[in-house]
Amino acid sequence: MGVPLFKIRDIVNRHDVVVRSSNYALYGDLSERVMSILAAAAPQHEIYSIDECFLDLDRLPVKDL
């Protein structure tokens, strides 16, 4: 993680690793959509990062989750 590709090119080639570029705008948009769905389902929530969210499920009107 965080290693430049040129430093591990031999490992990539040896294991037939597929490398793709990232699309941060798309990832951010999808993150916002998911977080809004989570917020609607569990009003008590805390967004921790772009891909992590803590939900408080104690007050939800569901007996068995």
N, C-alpha and C. Protein backbone atom coordinates (compact mmCIF):
# COMPACT_ATOMS: atom_id res chain seq x y z
N MET A 1 0.84 -1.17 0.00
CA MET A 1 0.00 0.00 0.00
C MET A 1 0.89 1.24 0.00
N GLY A 2 0.62 2.12 -0.92
CA GLY A 2 1.39 3.35 -0.98
C GLY A 2 2.75 3.20 -1.65
N VAL A 3 2.99 2.08 -2.30
CA VAL A 3 4.27 1.86 -2.97
C VAL A 3 4.10 2.24 -4.45
N PRO A 4 5.02 3.01 -5.00
CA PRO A 4 4.92 3.34 -6.42
C PRO A 4 4.97 2.07 -7.27
N LEU A 5 4.17 2.07 -8.32
CA LEU A 5 4.06 0.90 -9.18
C LEU A 5 5.41 0.47 -9.77
N PHE A 6 6.24 1.43 -10.13
CA PHE A 6 7.51 1.06 -10.75
C PHE A 6 8.41 0.24 -9.81
N LYS A 7 8.21 0.38 -8.50
CA LYS A 7 9.03 -0.37 -7.53
C LYS A 7 8.58 -1.82 -7.38
N ILE A 8 7.36 -2.12 -7.77
CA ILE A 8 6.86 -3.49 -7.61
C ILE A 8 6.43 -4.09 -8.95
N ARG A 9 6.92 -3.53 -10.04
CA ARG A 9 6.54 -4.00 -11.37
C ARG A 9 6.79 -5.50 -11.53
N ASP A 10 7.89 -6.03 -10.98
CA ASP A 10 8.18 -7.46 -11.12
C ASP A 10 7.13 -8.32 -10.42
N ILE A 11 6.66 -7.88 -9.26
CA ILE A 11 5.62 -8.62 -8.54
C ILE A 11 4.31 -8.58 -9.32
N VAL A 12 3.99 -7.41 -9.87
CA VAL A 12 2.77 -7.24 -10.66
C VAL A 12 2.80 -8.19 -11.86
N ASN A 13 3.91 -8.23 -12.56
CA ASN A 13 4.02 -9.08 -13.74
C ASN A 13 4.01 -10.56 -13.38
N ARG A 14 4.69 -10.93 -12.30
CA ARG A 14 4.77 -12.33 -11.88
C ARG A 14 3.41 -12.89 -11.51
N HIS A 15 2.57 -12.08 -10.91
CA HIS A 15 1.27 -12.56 -10.41
C HIS A 15 0.09 -12.11 -11.29
N ASP A 16 0.40 -11.58 -12.45
CA ASP A 16 -0.65 -11.12 -13.38
C ASP A 16 -1.66 -10.18 -12.72
N VAL A 17 -1.16 -9.24 -11.94
CA VAL A 17 -2.00 -8.27 -11.25
C VAL A 17 -2.53 -7.26 -12.28
N VAL A 18 -3.82 -6.98 -12.20
CA VAL A 18 -4.44 -5.98 -13.08
C VAL A 18 -4.43 -4.64 -12.34
N VAL A 19 -3.90 -3.63 -12.97
CA VAL A 19 -3.79 -2.30 -12.36
C VAL A 19 -4.75 -1.36 -13.07
N ARG A 20 -5.54 -0.64 -12.30
CA ARG A 20 -6.49 0.33 -12.85
C ARG A 20 -6.27 1.68 -12.16
N SER A 21 -6.54 2.72 -12.87
CA SER A 21 -6.46 4.05 -12.25
C SER A 21 -7.74 4.30 -11.46
N SER A 22 -7.66 5.20 -10.52
CA SER A 22 -8.83 5.49 -9.68
C SER A 22 -9.62 6.67 -10.24
N ASN A 23 -10.88 6.73 -9.84
CA ASN A 23 -11.77 7.81 -10.26
C ASN A 23 -12.34 8.42 -8.97
N TYR A 24 -11.63 9.40 -8.40
CA TYR A 24 -12.01 9.95 -7.10
C TYR A 24 -13.33 10.70 -7.13
N ALA A 25 -13.64 11.32 -8.25
CA ALA A 25 -14.92 12.03 -8.35
C ALA A 25 -16.08 11.03 -8.26
N LEU A 26 -15.97 9.92 -8.96
CA LEU A 26 -17.00 8.89 -8.90
C LEU A 26 -17.08 8.28 -7.50
N TYR A 27 -15.93 7.99 -6.90
CA TYR A 27 -15.90 7.41 -5.57
C TYR A 27 -16.56 8.35 -4.56
N GLY A 28 -16.28 9.64 -4.66
CA GLY A 28 -16.89 10.62 -3.77
C GLY A 28 -18.40 10.71 -3.94
N ASP A 29 -18.85 10.67 -5.20
CA ASP A 29 -20.28 10.71 -5.48
C ASP A 29 -20.99 9.48 -4.91
N LEU A 30 -20.41 8.30 -5.12
CA LEU A 30 -21.01 7.07 -4.58
C LEU A 30 -21.01 7.09 -3.05
N SER A 31 -19.95 7.63 -2.47
CA SER A 31 -19.88 7.73 -1.02
C SER A 31 -21.02 8.60 -0.49
N GLU A 32 -21.25 9.74 -1.12
CA GLU A 32 -22.34 10.63 -0.68
C GLU A 32 -23.69 9.94 -0.78
N ARG A 33 -23.90 9.19 -1.84
CA ARG A 33 -25.17 8.47 -2.01
C ARG A 33 -25.36 7.43 -0.91
N VAL A 34 -24.33 6.65 -0.64
CA VAL A 34 -24.42 5.62 0.40
C VAL A 34 -24.64 6.27 1.76
N MET A 35 -23.92 7.33 2.07
CA MET A 35 -24.06 7.99 3.38
C MET A 35 -25.47 8.56 3.55
N SER A 36 -26.08 9.07 2.47
CA SER A 36 -27.45 9.60 2.59
C SER A 36 -28.45 8.47 2.83
N ILE A 37 -28.23 7.32 2.24
CA ILE A 37 -29.10 6.16 2.50
C ILE A 37 -28.95 5.71 3.94
N LEU A 38 -27.73 5.65 4.43
CA LEU A 38 -27.49 5.26 5.83
C LEU A 38 -28.13 6.26 6.79
N ALA A 39 -28.01 7.54 6.49
CA ALA A 39 -28.58 8.58 7.35
C ALA A 39 -30.10 8.48 7.40
N ALA A 40 -30.71 8.12 6.28
CA ALA A 40 -32.17 7.98 6.26
C ALA A 40 -32.61 6.76 7.07
N ALA A 41 -31.80 5.71 7.07
CA ALA A 41 -32.15 4.48 7.79
C ALA A 41 -31.83 4.57 9.27
N ALA A 42 -30.79 5.30 9.62
CA ALA A 42 -30.36 5.43 11.02
C ALA A 42 -29.99 6.88 11.28
N PRO A 43 -30.95 7.66 11.77
CA PRO A 43 -30.70 9.09 11.99
C PRO A 43 -29.51 9.38 12.90
N GLN A 44 -29.23 8.49 13.85
CA GLN A 44 -28.06 8.66 14.71
C GLN A 44 -26.89 7.97 14.04
N HIS A 45 -26.06 8.76 13.37
CA HIS A 45 -24.92 8.20 12.66
C HIS A 45 -23.76 9.19 12.70
N GLU A 46 -22.59 8.68 12.44
CA GLU A 46 -21.41 9.54 12.38
C GLU A 46 -20.55 9.09 11.20
N ILE A 47 -20.38 9.99 10.26
CA ILE A 47 -19.53 9.69 9.12
C ILE A 47 -18.08 9.82 9.58
N TYR A 48 -17.34 8.74 9.44
CA TYR A 48 -15.96 8.68 9.93
C TYR A 48 -14.97 9.04 8.83
N SER A 49 -15.22 8.57 7.63
CA SER A 49 -14.37 8.89 6.49
C SER A 49 -15.19 8.70 5.22
N ILE A 50 -14.57 8.81 4.08
CA ILE A 50 -15.30 8.71 2.82
C ILE A 50 -15.96 7.36 2.63
N ASP A 51 -15.44 6.32 3.30
CA ASP A 51 -16.03 4.99 3.13
C ASP A 51 -16.32 4.28 4.46
N GLU A 52 -16.48 5.07 5.52
CA GLU A 52 -16.81 4.48 6.82
C GLU A 52 -17.83 5.35 7.54
N CYS A 53 -18.79 4.66 8.19
CA CYS A 53 -19.83 5.37 8.93
C CYS A 53 -20.27 4.50 10.10
N PHE A 54 -20.41 5.12 11.26
CA PHE A 54 -20.91 4.41 12.44
C PHE A 54 -22.40 4.71 12.59
N LEU A 55 -23.20 3.67 12.83
CA LEU A 55 -24.63 3.83 12.98
C LEU A 55 -25.04 3.43 14.39
N ASP A 56 -25.90 4.23 15.00
CA ASP A 56 -26.48 3.89 16.30
C ASP A 56 -27.83 3.22 16.03
N LEU A 57 -27.89 1.94 16.25
CA LEU A 57 -29.09 1.17 15.94
C LEU A 57 -29.98 0.93 17.16
N ASP A 58 -29.59 1.45 18.33
CA ASP A 58 -30.33 1.20 19.56
C ASP A 58 -31.76 1.73 19.53
N ARG A 59 -32.00 2.86 18.90
CA ARG A 59 -33.33 3.48 18.94
C ARG A 59 -34.19 3.15 17.73
N LEU A 60 -33.73 2.27 16.89
CA LEU A 60 -34.53 1.92 15.72
C LEU A 60 -35.70 1.01 16.13
N PRO A 61 -36.84 1.16 15.51
CA PRO A 61 -38.01 0.37 15.89
C PRO A 61 -38.00 -1.06 15.32
N VAL A 62 -36.86 -1.69 15.37
CA VAL A 62 -36.71 -3.05 14.87
C VAL A 62 -36.24 -3.91 16.04
N LYS A 63 -36.96 -4.97 16.34
CA LYS A 63 -36.59 -5.79 17.50
C LYS A 63 -35.39 -6.69 17.22
N ASP A 64 -35.38 -7.37 16.10
CA ASP A 64 -34.30 -8.27 15.77
C ASP A 64 -33.62 -7.83 14.50
N LEU A 65 -32.41 -7.34 14.64
CA LEU A 65 -31.67 -6.90 13.44
C LEU A 65 -30.93 -8.08 12.86
